[in-house]
Amino acid sequence: MINSEQLQMAFVRARNYLESNKEIVNSLNVFPVPDGDTGTNMSLTIKSAIKNLENSKINTCADVTKAISDGALMGARGNSGVILSQILRGFYLGSKESVTLDVETIKECFVNAYKVAYKSVIKPTEGTILTVIREMGEFAEANYTYYNDEIEFCKEILKEGFRSLEKTPEILPILKEADVVDAGGRGLMYLLEGALGDEVVEIKNNYEFNRPARIEHLAAQQDEDIKFGYCTEFMITSDSEEYGVLRDKLASIGDSLIVVKGDNIIKVHVHTNHPGQAIEWALEFGPLHDLKIDNMRRQHNHLHHTDKEVEDAKHSEEVKEHKKYGFISISTGDGIDEIFKSMGVDEIITGGQTMNPSTEDILNAVEKINADDIFVFPNNSNIILVSEQAAKISKKRLHVIKTKQIPQAFSSLFNFDESLSVDENIELMTEAISNIKVGQITYALRDTEIEGVKIKKDDFMGLNEGKITVSKKKIEDTFEALIDQLIDGDSSIVSIYYGEDVKEKDAEKLAKLIEKKYEDIEVELVYGGQPLYYYLISVE
């Protein structure tokens, strides 16, 4: 019998072994744009599972697998991480109410693991991690009566897993072309090897080398190979059992779709060209959190993320020097993030339109700042109330500057004066908001008519102070019409923040259009890197 202490140590060894081999798994990615890196995503997912295990009360093996399952679901990263979380959920379902694990329970764990994993993917692809876990589960189900020793049984299941992994290039032609086995399947095998404590099987084919030819193969792929450009992930707080409805809707606008249910949580992963639409549908089921949207076309040539980059991007734990004032801003786009950092913002929370952070997100940011008084800039009308709620329950003095747009926050920060009191600064920064007009340009998801403006699907839309006032076929025409609305006789400065889908040369053309048409206006062009909105425009 395997007891709870042994099982806990097995999962810890699994985490450690995958962590030490994740770059090998990363090197096996063969698709035009890896969904993050498979090894890194799986490693971060199992790390989250172990963290939850360490914070849970454990008496039985079922307690271990539940803690692992819950932690993996909450921390799942990327397609591979979500599938791994479902494999681990299957292990939990197979071990429910088990104080220890015997051979029959281990069989149930593997059988449930592959069944839950397959159900989580709307179009399962054979020759992947799914095939590997299925064939291990089928082997366990067909052969468990021949074994009395749990460890020997697990070793034989592991051997079957390697046999399955070796066959993946024969099942999935793209693997054979790139001369690799499936990355997710290899990551799963590292976890199981680590769990058993030694390398009991050597894979026969030498797939583990990160060959330059493989990287060249990846880099040679073109952006147009990517049908759906945005990798969109989020969690929904919901106890609804009708999440299949959401999965069907999302299937109509994307692929690589995974919609899975945990305890009061629905986890979603989808590749789509319309992340805003995906989020709108999801909001019908409950509030969202842990939302992430990545432009995969932009990520195309970034084949690997180092562990340091991942951890640095995630958080910084250093103790920070005490100061009088601190700042938190909601932001979206790496260029905009850099502007906020240059203006002295301490903590940046990713969010904005369609991806609103929670009260908890804001409070977590507050705790990281060692300051007497902290100002938060919501930068969206939907985040102001959440910010005010955070201010009410925060143990620190938190003050909300009611910015509805990112350029308003820039203006407020520019007018901040450290020599003044809190109240004086609130008045000064709030006044700065009223002195700036903001425009945005995005695209239409559907045909509609709003306040007399007729809009056609995929047309460009211009928003003046949050209201749609322009809709045209060409982005240049939309831009010019919106600028004409924003500029008046008192205007002196126009700042243009161009998004992640805009080429610098195209933005420069539009900036020159303003300079030519309005000779007395000073024009600033800045890279914002924001998703969904091609341009943010501020006029002062």
Protein backbone atom coordinates (compact mmCIF):
# COMPACT_ATOMS: atom_id res chain seq x y z
CA MET A 1 0.00 0.00 0.00
CA ILE A 2 1.10 3.56 -0.70
CA ASN A 3 0.30 5.91 2.19
CA SER A 4 -0.32 9.68 2.14
CA GLU A 5 3.24 10.59 3.18
CA GLN A 6 4.73 8.48 0.39
CA LEU A 7 2.30 9.96 -2.11
CA GLN A 8 3.15 13.51 -1.06
CA MET A 9 6.85 12.84 -1.56
CA ALA A 10 6.11 11.26 -4.96
CA PHE A 11 4.44 14.48 -6.16
CA VAL A 12 7.29 16.59 -4.82
CA ARG A 13 9.82 14.42 -6.66
CA ALA A 14 7.67 14.70 -9.79
CA ARG A 15 7.75 18.49 -9.58
CA ASN A 16 11.51 18.55 -9.06
CA TYR A 17 12.26 16.17 -11.91
CA LEU A 18 10.13 18.04 -14.42
CA GLU A 19 11.62 21.34 -13.28
CA SER A 20 15.15 20.05 -13.96
CA ASN A 21 14.12 18.79 -17.42
CA LYS A 22 11.62 21.41 -18.57
CA GLU A 23 13.99 22.95 -21.13
CA ILE A 24 14.22 19.57 -22.86
CA VAL A 25 10.42 19.54 -23.03
CA ASN A 26 10.45 23.14 -24.31
CA SER A 27 12.82 22.12 -27.09
CA LEU A 28 10.25 19.63 -28.40
CA ASN A 29 7.66 22.29 -29.32
CA VAL A 30 7.02 22.11 -33.05
CA PHE A 31 4.00 24.30 -33.76
CA PRO A 32 4.38 27.72 -35.42
CA VAL A 33 3.75 29.53 -32.18
CA PRO A 34 4.20 27.49 -29.03
CA ASP A 35 1.43 28.17 -26.52
CA GLY A 36 4.01 29.50 -24.14
CA ASP A 37 6.51 26.70 -23.66
CA THR A 38 5.12 23.29 -22.85
CA GLY A 39 7.78 22.40 -20.29
CA THR A 40 7.54 25.76 -18.55
CA ASN A 41 3.74 25.69 -18.51
CA MET A 42 3.59 22.17 -17.11
CA SER A 43 6.27 22.99 -14.55
CA LEU A 44 4.43 26.09 -13.32
CA THR A 45 1.19 24.10 -13.15
CA ILE A 46 2.66 21.35 -10.98
CA LYS A 47 4.41 23.99 -8.83
CA SER A 48 1.02 25.53 -8.11
CA ALA A 49 -0.30 22.08 -7.23
CA ILE A 50 2.55 21.45 -4.78
CA LYS A 51 2.10 24.88 -3.20
CA ASN A 52 -1.56 24.07 -2.54
CA LEU A 53 -0.55 20.67 -1.17
CA GLU A 54 1.84 22.33 1.28
CA ASN A 55 -0.96 24.60 2.52
CA SER A 56 -3.54 21.82 2.92
CA LYS A 57 -4.42 19.54 5.81
CA ILE A 58 -3.50 15.99 4.78
CA ASN A 59 -4.63 12.76 6.40
CA THR A 60 -5.30 10.44 3.47
CA CYS A 61 -4.17 9.81 -0.09
CA ALA A 62 -7.48 11.29 -1.25
CA ASP A 63 -6.56 14.50 0.61
CA VAL A 64 -3.26 14.57 -1.32
CA THR A 65 -4.81 14.11 -4.76
CA LYS A 66 -7.57 16.66 -4.06
CA ALA A 67 -5.04 19.28 -2.97
CA ILE A 68 -2.94 18.55 -6.05
CA SER A 69 -5.99 18.69 -8.32
CA ASP A 70 -7.28 21.99 -6.90
CA GLY A 71 -3.87 23.62 -6.99
CA ALA A 72 -3.20 22.51 -10.56
CA LEU A 73 -6.54 23.84 -11.77
CA MET A 74 -5.97 27.25 -10.18
CA GLY A 75 -2.40 27.50 -11.47
CA ALA A 76 -2.79 25.86 -14.89
CA ARG A 77 -0.79 27.63 -17.59
CA GLY A 78 -1.38 27.19 -21.30
CA ASN A 79 -2.97 24.32 -23.16
CA SER A 80 -0.58 21.74 -21.76
CA GLY A 81 -1.03 22.98 -18.20
CA VAL A 82 -4.82 22.79 -18.40
CA ILE A 83 -4.70 19.25 -19.78
CA LEU A 84 -2.25 18.29 -17.02
CA SER A 85 -4.64 19.75 -14.44
CA GLN A 86 -7.40 17.52 -15.82
CA ILE A 87 -5.18 14.44 -15.70
CA LEU A 88 -4.53 15.26 -12.04
CA ARG A 89 -8.24 15.81 -11.45
CA GLY A 90 -8.82 12.32 -12.85
CA PHE A 91 -6.28 10.96 -10.37
CA TYR A 92 -8.26 12.63 -7.59
CA LEU A 93 -11.59 11.20 -8.81
CA GLY A 94 -10.04 7.75 -8.99
CA SER A 95 -8.74 7.95 -5.44
CA LYS A 96 -11.78 9.51 -3.73
CA GLU A 97 -12.17 8.41 -0.10
CA SER A 98 -8.99 6.31 -0.32
CA VAL A 99 -6.82 6.36 2.81
CA THR A 100 -4.06 4.50 0.96
CA LEU A 101 -3.49 3.46 -2.64
CA ASP A 102 -3.60 -0.19 -3.65
CA VAL A 103 -3.22 -1.64 -7.14
CA GLU A 104 -6.93 -1.39 -7.92
CA THR A 105 -7.11 2.25 -6.80
CA ILE A 106 -4.04 3.11 -8.89
CA LYS A 107 -5.83 1.55 -11.85
CA GLU A 108 -8.87 3.73 -11.14
CA CYS A 109 -6.63 6.81 -10.96
CA PHE A 110 -5.13 6.21 -14.41
CA VAL A 111 -8.46 5.29 -15.99
CA ASN A 112 -10.15 8.41 -14.63
CA ALA A 113 -7.15 10.51 -15.61
CA TYR A 114 -7.46 9.76 -19.32
CA LYS A 115 -11.24 9.95 -19.36
CA VAL A 116 -11.35 13.36 -17.67
CA ALA A 117 -8.53 14.65 -19.88
CA TYR A 118 -10.31 13.60 -23.09
CA LYS A 119 -13.56 15.20 -21.97
CA SER A 120 -11.76 18.50 -21.36
CA VAL A 121 -10.74 18.90 -25.02
CA ILE A 122 -13.45 19.53 -27.61
CA LYS A 123 -11.39 18.01 -30.45
CA PRO A 124 -8.85 15.59 -28.95
CA THR A 125 -5.73 15.18 -31.08
CA GLU A 126 -4.10 11.77 -31.10
CA GLY A 127 -0.33 11.56 -30.97
CA THR A 128 -0.25 13.95 -28.00
CA ILE A 129 -0.23 13.78 -24.21
CA LEU A 130 -3.84 12.56 -24.47
CA THR A 131 -2.77 9.42 -26.33
CA VAL A 132 -0.01 8.75 -23.81
CA ILE A 133 -2.27 9.00 -20.75
CA ARG A 134 -5.03 7.00 -22.49
CA GLU A 135 -2.78 4.10 -23.39
CA MET A 136 -1.38 4.02 -19.87
CA GLY A 137 -4.92 3.99 -18.49
CA GLU A 138 -6.02 1.25 -20.86
CA PHE A 139 -2.96 -0.82 -19.93
CA ALA A 140 -3.71 -0.37 -16.23
CA GLU A 141 -7.34 -1.38 -16.69
CA ALA A 142 -6.48 -4.49 -18.70
CA ASN A 143 -3.60 -5.74 -16.53
CA TYR A 144 -4.07 -4.67 -12.89
CA THR A 145 -5.20 -8.14 -11.78
CA TYR A 146 -1.72 -9.50 -12.60
CA TYR A 147 0.05 -7.31 -10.00
CA ASN A 148 0.20 -7.36 -6.20
CA ASP A 149 2.94 -4.75 -5.74
CA GLU A 150 1.94 -1.12 -6.31
CA ILE A 151 5.40 0.12 -7.31
CA GLU A 152 5.95 -2.71 -9.81
CA PHE A 153 2.52 -1.98 -11.28
CA CYS A 154 3.42 1.72 -11.66
CA LYS A 155 6.72 0.82 -13.34
CA GLU A 156 4.91 -1.29 -15.92
CA ILE A 157 2.42 1.52 -16.55
CA LEU A 158 5.40 3.85 -17.03
CA LYS A 159 6.92 1.47 -19.60
CA GLU A 160 3.63 1.52 -21.49
CA GLY A 161 3.71 5.29 -21.39
CA PHE A 162 7.14 5.36 -23.02
CA ARG A 163 5.99 2.91 -25.69
CA SER A 164 3.09 5.24 -26.41
CA LEU A 165 5.34 8.31 -26.44
CA GLU A 166 7.69 6.72 -28.95
CA LYS A 167 4.76 6.17 -31.33
CA THR A 168 3.55 9.79 -31.29
CA PRO A 169 5.60 10.82 -34.38
CA GLU A 170 3.96 8.03 -36.35
CA ILE A 171 0.50 9.26 -35.35
CA LEU A 172 1.05 13.01 -35.76
CA PRO A 173 2.93 13.83 -38.99
CA ILE A 174 4.17 17.24 -37.82
CA LEU A 175 6.09 15.51 -35.03
CA LYS A 176 7.77 13.21 -37.48
CA GLU A 177 8.65 16.12 -39.76
CA ALA A 178 10.36 17.94 -36.89
CA ASP A 179 11.89 14.69 -35.57
CA VAL A 180 10.44 14.97 -32.07
CA VAL A 181 8.05 13.18 -29.76
CA ASP A 182 5.08 15.04 -28.30
CA ALA A 183 6.26 17.67 -25.81
CA GLY A 184 3.28 17.30 -23.48
CA GLY A 185 3.63 13.54 -23.44
CA ARG A 186 7.33 13.86 -22.62
CA GLY A 187 6.54 16.27 -19.81
CA LEU A 188 4.04 13.81 -18.37
CA MET A 189 6.63 11.05 -18.46
CA TYR A 190 9.16 13.22 -16.61
CA LEU A 191 6.55 13.74 -13.90
CA LEU A 192 5.91 10.02 -13.57
CA GLU A 193 9.62 9.18 -13.65
CA GLY A 194 10.21 11.67 -10.89
CA ALA A 195 7.31 10.31 -8.86
CA LEU A 196 8.83 6.81 -8.90
CA GLY A 197 12.15 8.22 -7.81
CA ASP A 198 14.41 6.87 -10.51
CA GLU A 199 14.67 6.56 -14.28
CA VAL A 200 13.35 3.04 -14.62
CA VAL A 201 13.05 3.19 -18.40
CA GLU A 202 15.27 4.83 -21.00
CA ILE A 203 13.46 6.07 -24.08
CA LYS A 204 15.10 4.40 -27.07
CA ASN A 205 15.00 7.20 -29.61
CA ASN A 206 17.21 10.20 -28.89
CA TYR A 207 14.65 13.00 -29.20
CA GLU A 208 15.92 15.15 -26.36
CA PHE A 209 18.47 17.30 -28.18
CA ASN A 210 17.54 20.89 -28.92
CA ARG A 211 18.70 20.79 -32.51
CA PRO A 212 19.36 24.08 -34.33
CA ALA A 213 17.43 22.65 -37.28
CA ARG A 214 14.37 22.39 -35.10
CA ILE A 215 14.56 26.05 -34.15
CA GLU A 216 15.04 26.98 -37.79
CA HIS A 217 12.00 24.89 -38.63
CA LEU A 218 9.97 26.87 -36.11
CA ALA A 219 11.29 30.26 -37.16
CA ALA A 220 10.55 29.54 -40.80
CA GLN A 221 6.84 29.43 -40.11
CA GLN A 222 4.96 32.57 -41.15
CA ASP A 223 2.38 34.58 -39.25
CA GLU A 224 -0.31 33.62 -41.74
CA ASP A 225 -0.01 30.01 -40.54
CA ILE A 226 -1.65 31.14 -37.32
CA LYS A 227 -5.39 31.05 -37.92
CA PHE A 228 -6.37 32.32 -34.48
CA GLY A 229 -4.07 34.99 -33.09
CA TYR A 230 -4.95 35.43 -29.40
CA CYS A 231 -4.29 32.81 -26.74
CA THR A 232 -7.01 33.61 -24.19
CA GLU A 233 -7.20 32.12 -20.71
CA PHE A 234 -9.33 32.91 -17.68
CA MET A 235 -11.14 31.45 -14.69
CA ILE A 236 -14.88 31.90 -14.02
CA THR A 237 -16.23 31.75 -10.50
CA SER A 238 -19.38 29.73 -11.11
CA ASP A 239 -21.22 26.66 -9.88
CA SER A 240 -23.11 26.27 -13.17
CA GLU A 241 -23.13 22.81 -14.69
CA GLU A 242 -24.13 24.23 -18.09
CA TYR A 243 -20.57 25.10 -19.08
CA GLY A 244 -20.97 22.93 -22.17
CA VAL A 245 -23.02 25.79 -23.61
CA LEU A 246 -20.01 28.09 -23.24
CA ARG A 247 -17.75 25.48 -24.83
CA ASP A 248 -20.05 25.23 -27.86
CA LYS A 249 -20.09 29.01 -28.29
CA LEU A 250 -16.31 29.30 -28.01
CA ALA A 251 -15.86 26.50 -30.54
CA SER A 252 -17.50 28.76 -33.13
CA ILE A 253 -14.78 31.43 -32.82
CA GLY A 254 -11.58 29.52 -32.10
CA ASP A 255 -9.62 26.34 -31.58
CA SER A 256 -7.29 24.72 -29.00
CA LEU A 257 -10.36 24.92 -26.82
CA ILE A 258 -10.48 23.59 -23.28
CA VAL A 259 -13.37 24.31 -20.90
CA VAL A 260 -13.13 22.40 -17.63
CA LYS A 261 -15.01 22.47 -14.32
CA GLY A 262 -13.63 22.37 -10.79
CA ASP A 263 -15.26 23.18 -7.48
CA ASN A 264 -17.11 26.46 -8.22
CA ILE A 265 -14.53 27.24 -10.92
CA ILE A 266 -14.64 26.98 -14.71
CA LYS A 267 -11.23 27.15 -16.42
CA VAL A 268 -11.14 28.28 -20.06
CA HIS A 269 -8.35 28.18 -22.65
CA VAL A 270 -9.02 29.11 -26.28
CA HIS A 271 -7.16 30.44 -29.32
CA THR A 272 -9.34 33.02 -31.05
CA ASN A 273 -9.31 36.23 -33.06
CA HIS A 274 -12.05 37.66 -30.84
CA PRO A 275 -11.03 37.44 -27.17
CA GLY A 276 -13.51 40.17 -26.29
CA GLN A 277 -16.39 38.04 -27.53
CA ALA A 278 -15.09 35.04 -25.61
CA ILE A 279 -15.01 37.10 -22.43
CA GLU A 280 -18.50 38.51 -23.00
CA TRP A 281 -19.92 34.99 -23.22
CA ALA A 282 -17.96 33.89 -20.17
CA LEU A 283 -19.30 36.76 -18.06
CA GLU A 284 -22.78 35.28 -18.45
CA PHE A 285 -21.61 32.47 -16.15
CA GLY A 286 -19.98 34.58 -13.43
CA PRO A 287 -17.12 36.93 -12.55
CA LEU A 288 -13.72 36.37 -14.17
CA HIS A 289 -10.23 36.31 -12.71
CA ASP A 290 -6.70 35.25 -13.69
CA LEU A 291 -7.37 36.52 -17.21
CA LYS A 292 -4.53 36.47 -19.73
CA ILE A 293 -4.55 37.38 -23.43
CA ASP A 294 -1.39 36.80 -25.47
CA ASN A 295 -0.88 37.83 -29.08
CA MET A 296 0.62 34.65 -30.54
CA ARG A 297 1.63 36.28 -33.81
CA ARG A 298 3.75 38.72 -31.88
CA GLN A 299 5.22 35.90 -29.79
CA HIS A 300 6.03 33.98 -32.97
CA ASN A 301 9.82 34.29 -32.85
CA HIS A 302 10.15 34.10 -29.08
CA LEU A 303 10.65 30.36 -28.86
CA HIS A 304 11.82 30.11 -25.28
CA HIS A 305 11.29 31.88 -21.98
CA THR A 306 13.97 31.34 -19.36
CA ASP A 307 12.96 30.40 -15.86
CA LYS A 308 14.30 33.73 -14.62
CA GLU A 309 12.13 35.64 -17.08
CA VAL A 310 9.03 33.72 -16.00
CA GLU A 311 9.68 34.21 -12.32
CA ASP A 312 10.65 37.88 -12.70
CA ALA A 313 7.48 38.55 -14.66
CA LYS A 314 5.41 36.75 -12.07
CA HIS A 315 6.47 38.68 -9.00
CA SER A 316 9.29 40.21 -7.00
CA GLU A 317 9.65 39.32 -3.36
CA GLU A 318 12.33 41.73 -2.26
CA VAL A 319 11.63 43.95 0.74
CA LYS A 320 10.99 47.47 -0.47
CA GLU A 321 12.07 50.67 1.20
CA HIS A 322 9.40 52.60 3.07
CA LYS A 323 8.15 55.77 1.40
CA LYS A 324 5.46 58.38 1.83
CA TYR A 325 3.39 57.67 -1.29
CA GLY A 326 2.80 54.58 -3.41
CA PHE A 327 0.99 53.98 -6.69
CA ILE A 328 -0.98 51.14 -8.27
CA SER A 329 -2.24 51.24 -11.84
CA ILE A 330 -4.36 48.93 -13.96
CA SER A 331 -2.60 48.53 -17.30
CA THR A 332 -2.58 46.55 -20.50
CA GLY A 333 0.30 46.47 -22.95
CA ASP A 334 4.04 46.24 -22.33
CA GLY A 335 4.69 49.73 -23.68
CA ILE A 336 2.08 51.24 -21.38
CA ASP A 337 3.52 49.24 -18.49
CA GLU A 338 6.92 50.81 -19.13
CA ILE A 339 5.42 54.31 -19.16
CA PHE A 340 3.79 53.70 -15.79
CA LYS A 341 7.05 52.35 -14.38
CA SER A 342 8.94 55.40 -15.63
CA MET A 343 6.38 57.59 -13.83
CA GLY A 344 7.00 55.86 -10.52
CA VAL A 345 4.13 53.37 -10.35
CA ASP A 346 5.01 50.64 -7.85
CA GLU A 347 2.59 47.87 -8.82
CA ILE A 348 0.96 47.26 -12.20
CA ILE A 349 -2.09 45.00 -12.45
CA THR A 350 -2.87 43.62 -15.88
CA GLY A 351 -6.47 44.34 -16.80
CA GLY A 352 -8.83 46.80 -18.40
CA GLN A 353 -11.66 46.49 -20.88
CA THR A 354 -13.16 42.96 -20.78
CA MET A 355 -10.57 41.82 -18.22
CA ASN A 356 -11.35 43.43 -14.90
CA PRO A 357 -9.13 42.63 -11.91
CA SER A 358 -10.73 41.63 -8.63
CA THR A 359 -10.74 43.36 -5.27
CA GLU A 360 -8.30 40.69 -4.13
CA ASP A 361 -5.92 41.53 -6.99
CA ILE A 362 -5.82 45.17 -5.86
CA LEU A 363 -5.38 44.26 -2.20
CA ASN A 364 -2.52 41.91 -3.09
CA ALA A 365 -0.81 44.80 -4.90
CA VAL A 366 -1.39 47.06 -1.88
CA GLU A 367 0.39 44.59 0.38
CA LYS A 368 3.50 44.72 -1.79
CA ILE A 369 3.92 48.49 -1.34
CA ASN A 370 5.63 49.85 1.77
CA ALA A 371 4.04 53.31 1.84
CA ASP A 372 1.88 55.44 4.14
CA ASP A 373 -0.65 56.37 1.45
CA ILE A 374 -1.29 54.55 -1.79
CA PHE A 375 -3.11 55.83 -4.88
CA VAL A 376 -4.82 53.46 -7.30
CA PHE A 377 -5.72 54.31 -10.90
CA PRO A 378 -8.52 51.98 -12.16
CA ASN A 379 -8.35 53.30 -15.77
CA ASN A 380 -11.75 51.80 -16.55
CA SER A 381 -15.24 52.66 -15.36
CA ASN A 382 -15.89 48.99 -14.57
CA ILE A 383 -12.94 48.87 -12.16
CA ILE A 384 -13.70 52.00 -10.12
CA LEU A 385 -16.21 50.30 -7.79
CA VAL A 386 -13.85 47.35 -7.26
CA SER A 387 -11.08 49.79 -6.39
CA GLU A 388 -13.32 51.64 -3.95
CA GLN A 389 -14.30 48.34 -2.34
CA ALA A 390 -10.61 47.53 -1.93
CA ALA A 391 -10.06 50.93 -0.33
CA LYS A 392 -12.81 50.24 2.22
CA ILE A 393 -11.33 46.96 3.42
CA SER A 394 -7.62 47.65 2.94
CA LYS A 395 -5.50 47.71 6.08
CA LYS A 396 -3.47 50.50 4.45
CA ARG A 397 -4.69 53.93 3.38
CA LEU A 398 -5.78 53.45 -0.24
CA HIS A 399 -7.10 56.34 -2.34
CA VAL A 400 -8.93 55.87 -5.64
CA ILE A 401 -8.30 58.38 -8.46
CA LYS A 402 -11.32 57.76 -10.70
CA THR A 403 -9.56 57.42 -14.03
CA LYS A 404 -11.60 55.75 -16.77
CA GLN A 405 -8.85 55.69 -19.42
CA ILE A 406 -5.11 55.04 -19.28
CA PRO A 407 -4.13 58.49 -20.67
CA GLN A 408 -6.06 60.05 -17.77
CA ALA A 409 -3.77 58.21 -15.37
CA PHE A 410 -0.72 59.53 -17.23
CA SER A 411 -2.03 63.07 -16.86
CA SER A 412 -2.84 62.55 -13.17
CA LEU A 413 0.60 61.15 -12.40
CA PHE A 414 2.26 63.99 -14.30
CA ASN A 415 0.47 66.47 -12.03
CA PHE A 416 1.27 64.65 -8.77
CA ASP A 417 3.36 66.71 -6.31
CA GLU A 418 5.06 64.82 -3.48
CA SER A 419 5.40 68.00 -1.41
CA LEU A 420 1.60 68.33 -1.17
CA SER A 421 -0.79 66.54 1.17
CA VAL A 422 -2.94 63.56 0.21
CA ASP A 423 -6.08 65.68 -0.15
CA GLU A 424 -4.28 68.32 -2.19
CA ASN A 425 -2.91 65.66 -4.54
CA ILE A 426 -6.31 64.00 -4.92
CA GLU A 427 -7.77 67.36 -5.95
CA LEU A 428 -4.89 68.08 -8.30
CA MET A 429 -4.93 64.66 -9.97
CA THR A 430 -8.71 64.58 -10.26
CA GLU A 431 -8.69 67.99 -11.94
CA ALA A 432 -6.12 66.70 -14.44
CA ILE A 433 -8.63 64.07 -15.57
CA SER A 434 -11.07 66.74 -16.72
CA ASN A 435 -8.43 68.45 -18.83
CA ILE A 436 -7.89 65.53 -21.19
CA LYS A 437 -10.02 63.92 -23.92
CA VAL A 438 -9.48 60.28 -24.89
CA GLY A 439 -10.21 58.41 -28.10
CA GLN A 440 -9.84 54.72 -28.93
CA ILE A 441 -9.89 52.69 -32.12
CA THR A 442 -10.84 49.03 -32.21
CA TYR A 443 -12.88 46.67 -34.41
CA ALA A 444 -16.53 45.58 -34.42
CA LEU A 445 -17.54 42.08 -33.39
CA ARG A 446 -20.98 42.22 -35.03
CA ASP A 447 -23.39 44.29 -37.10
CA THR A 448 -25.30 46.78 -34.98
CA GLU A 449 -26.41 50.39 -34.66
CA ILE A 450 -25.57 52.47 -31.59
CA GLU A 451 -26.84 56.01 -31.09
CA GLY A 452 -27.28 56.51 -34.81
CA VAL A 453 -23.90 55.05 -35.81
CA LYS A 454 -24.32 52.08 -38.17
CA ILE A 455 -21.65 49.46 -37.56
CA LYS A 456 -20.70 46.49 -39.70
CA LYS A 457 -18.86 43.42 -38.41
CA ASP A 458 -15.04 43.81 -38.69
CA ASP A 459 -15.31 47.54 -39.43
CA PHE A 460 -13.07 49.87 -37.45
CA MET A 461 -14.76 51.84 -34.69
CA GLY A 462 -13.71 55.13 -33.11
CA LEU A 463 -14.70 55.77 -29.49
CA ASN A 464 -14.84 59.35 -28.24
CA GLU A 465 -14.85 59.45 -24.42
CA GLY A 466 -16.07 55.85 -24.38
CA LYS A 467 -18.91 56.32 -26.88
CA ILE A 468 -18.82 54.91 -30.42
CA THR A 469 -18.98 57.90 -32.75
CA VAL A 470 -17.21 56.64 -35.88
CA SER A 471 -17.37 53.40 -37.89
CA LYS A 472 -15.54 52.99 -41.18
CA LYS A 473 -13.99 50.31 -43.39
CA LYS A 474 -10.46 51.75 -43.25
CA ILE A 475 -8.51 52.44 -40.09
CA GLU A 476 -7.02 55.62 -41.59
CA ASP A 477 -10.49 57.07 -42.22
CA THR A 478 -11.61 56.11 -38.73
CA PHE A 479 -8.53 57.72 -37.21
CA GLU A 480 -8.92 60.98 -39.10
CA ALA A 481 -12.63 61.29 -38.30
CA LEU A 482 -12.01 60.62 -34.61
CA ILE A 483 -9.17 63.12 -34.43
CA ASP A 484 -11.41 65.78 -35.96
CA GLN A 485 -13.91 65.14 -33.17
CA LEU A 486 -11.34 65.29 -30.40
CA ILE A 487 -9.40 68.39 -31.43
CA ASP A 488 -10.86 71.82 -30.79
CA GLY A 489 -9.57 75.39 -30.50
CA ASP A 490 -8.12 74.78 -27.02
CA SER A 491 -6.16 71.67 -27.97
CA SER A 492 -2.37 71.85 -27.97
CA ILE A 493 -1.01 68.30 -27.55
CA VAL A 494 -2.06 64.99 -29.12
CA SER A 495 -0.50 61.77 -27.79
CA ILE A 496 -0.93 58.58 -29.81
CA TYR A 497 -0.33 55.19 -28.19
CA TYR A 498 -0.27 52.48 -30.83
CA GLY A 499 -1.13 48.87 -30.01
CA GLU A 500 0.58 45.55 -30.39
CA ASP A 501 -1.05 44.85 -33.77
CA VAL A 502 0.08 48.15 -35.33
CA LYS A 503 3.30 48.58 -37.27
CA GLU A 504 5.35 51.60 -36.28
CA LYS A 505 5.51 52.91 -39.84
CA ASP A 506 1.71 52.87 -40.08
CA ALA A 507 1.41 54.78 -36.82
CA GLU A 508 3.96 57.31 -38.05
CA LYS A 509 1.85 57.98 -41.14
CA LEU A 510 -1.16 58.82 -39.01
CA ALA A 511 0.93 61.05 -36.74
CA LYS A 512 2.14 62.97 -39.79
CA LEU A 513 -1.46 63.31 -40.97
CA ILE A 514 -2.26 65.24 -37.77
CA GLU A 515 0.87 67.38 -38.03
CA LYS A 516 -0.01 68.34 -41.58
CA LYS A 517 -3.67 69.05 -40.89
CA TYR A 518 -3.17 70.80 -37.54
CA GLU A 519 0.07 72.75 -37.77
CA ASP A 520 -0.18 74.26 -34.27
CA ILE A 521 -0.67 70.91 -32.55
CA GLU A 522 2.25 69.08 -30.92
CA VAL A 523 2.07 65.34 -31.71
CA GLU A 524 3.65 62.58 -29.61
CA LEU A 525 3.82 59.00 -30.90
CA VAL A 526 4.41 56.27 -28.31
CA TYR A 527 4.38 52.48 -28.43
CA GLY A 528 1.69 51.25 -26.03
CA GLY A 529 1.51 47.57 -26.97
CA GLN A 530 -2.11 47.30 -25.83
CA PRO A 531 -4.21 44.41 -27.18
CA LEU A 532 -7.58 44.84 -28.92
CA TYR A 533 -7.28 48.63 -29.31
CA TYR A 534 -5.17 49.70 -32.26
CA TYR A 535 -4.81 53.26 -30.98
CA LEU A 536 -5.35 55.17 -27.76
CA ILE A 537 -5.41 58.91 -28.38
CA SER A 538 -5.25 61.65 -25.76
CA VAL A 539 -5.85 65.31 -26.54
CA GLU A 540 -4.96 68.12 -24.13
